[in-house]
Amino acid sequence: MTDFDFTISVPADRRYADTLRALAARAARQAGCAAGEVEAFETEVHDAVLRCLAGASHPDVISVTLRQGATDVEALIDCGRTIRVACHIPNVV
């Protein structure tokens, strides 16, 4: 398994929330998160993006960093403030 760390920036538009959700799910599955955790992770990322967009002064662009660490996958959603969402990777030796 290879660690990853990448950032994607998309227009601050609700239409991209599902795209970011799908990327978060793929990253969590790739890292080995359990199925239930993948679902919770992707939902939390999606909800965080929607909260950003509901803010009175959201930016024109939302950036999401997806990063695999030693024990978890994290999403850092940057929309003028940073929201962190994580998914635990089980059976890390």
Protein backbone atom coordinates (compact mmCIF):
# COMPACT_ATOMS: atom_id res chain seq x y z
CA MET A 1 0.00 0.00 0.00
CA THR A 2 1.30 3.43 -0.93
CA ASP A 3 0.61 6.53 1.15
CA PHE A 4 -0.92 9.49 -0.63
CA ASP A 5 -1.25 13.22 -0.12
CA PHE A 6 -3.00 15.36 -2.69
CA THR A 7 -5.14 18.47 -2.90
CA ILE A 8 -7.99 19.16 -5.27
CA SER A 9 -9.60 22.56 -5.71
CA VAL A 10 -13.07 22.98 -7.17
CA PRO A 11 -15.41 25.93 -7.66
CA ALA A 12 -17.50 26.69 -4.57
CA ASP A 13 -20.62 25.19 -6.11
CA ARG A 14 -22.96 22.56 -4.62
CA ARG A 15 -22.63 20.52 -7.81
CA TYR A 16 -19.08 19.55 -6.78
CA ALA A 17 -20.04 18.24 -3.32
CA ASP A 18 -20.81 14.79 -4.74
CA THR A 19 -17.49 14.75 -6.61
CA LEU A 20 -15.59 15.48 -3.40
CA ARG A 21 -17.64 12.84 -1.59
CA ALA A 22 -16.71 10.24 -4.21
CA LEU A 23 -13.01 11.14 -4.01
CA ALA A 24 -13.10 10.86 -0.21
CA ALA A 25 -14.73 7.43 -0.45
CA ARG A 26 -12.15 6.24 -2.97
CA ALA A 27 -9.28 7.48 -0.81
CA ALA A 28 -10.69 5.74 2.29
CA ARG A 29 -11.22 2.45 0.43
CA GLN A 30 -7.73 2.66 -1.11
CA ALA A 31 -6.21 3.11 2.35
CA GLY A 32 -8.09 0.15 3.78
CA CYS A 33 -10.77 1.76 5.94
CA ALA A 34 -13.63 -0.59 6.84
CA ALA A 35 -16.81 -0.33 4.74
CA GLY A 36 -18.84 1.33 7.51
CA GLU A 37 -16.08 3.84 8.16
CA VAL A 38 -15.81 4.64 4.44
CA GLU A 39 -19.52 5.47 4.36
CA ALA A 40 -19.29 7.65 7.46
CA PHE A 41 -16.16 9.40 6.15
CA GLU A 42 -17.63 10.22 2.76
CA THR A 43 -20.83 11.50 4.37
CA GLU A 44 -18.89 13.71 6.80
CA VAL A 45 -16.80 15.16 3.95
CA HIS A 46 -19.94 15.83 1.89
CA ASP A 47 -21.69 17.47 4.85
CA ALA A 48 -18.63 19.61 5.66
CA VAL A 49 -18.49 20.86 2.06
CA LEU A 50 -22.18 21.76 2.20
CA ARG A 51 -21.66 23.59 5.52
CA CYS A 52 -18.86 25.58 3.90
CA LEU A 53 -21.11 26.53 1.03
CA ALA A 54 -23.91 27.55 3.39
CA GLY A 55 -21.61 30.04 5.12
CA ALA A 56 -22.30 33.69 4.50
CA SER A 57 -18.82 34.39 3.15
CA HIS A 58 -17.51 31.26 1.50
CA PRO A 59 -14.64 31.59 -1.00
CA ASP A 60 -14.90 31.12 -4.75
CA VAL A 61 -12.93 27.86 -4.49
CA ILE A 62 -12.98 24.99 -2.01
CA SER A 63 -9.80 22.95 -1.59
CA VAL A 64 -9.76 19.45 -0.15
CA THR A 65 -6.56 17.70 0.85
CA LEU A 66 -6.78 13.93 1.15
CA ARG A 67 -3.88 12.40 3.04
CA GLN A 68 -3.10 8.90 4.23
CA GLY A 69 -1.17 8.77 7.47
CA ALA A 70 0.09 5.84 9.49
CA THR A 71 -3.26 5.12 11.15
CA ASP A 72 -5.87 7.13 9.31
CA VAL A 73 -6.98 8.95 6.20
CA GLU A 74 -7.82 12.59 6.68
CA ALA A 75 -9.64 15.15 4.62
CA LEU A 76 -8.84 18.79 5.22
CA ILE A 77 -11.60 20.93 3.74
CA ASP A 78 -10.48 24.54 3.27
CA CYS A 79 -13.21 27.10 2.71
CA GLY A 80 -11.89 30.08 4.60
CA ARG A 81 -11.62 27.85 7.67
CA THR A 82 -10.28 24.31 7.77
CA ILE A 83 -12.48 21.35 8.70
CA ARG A 84 -10.77 18.02 9.43
CA VAL A 85 -12.50 14.68 8.90
CA ALA A 86 -10.72 11.35 9.49
CA CYS A 87 -11.21 7.64 8.81
CA HIS A 88 -9.31 5.09 10.91
CA ILE A 89 -7.32 2.41 9.08
CA PRO A 90 -7.77 -0.87 10.98
CA ASN A 91 -5.07 -3.48 11.58
CA VAL A 92 -2.17 -1.09 11.28
CA VAL A 93 0.97 -2.90 12.39
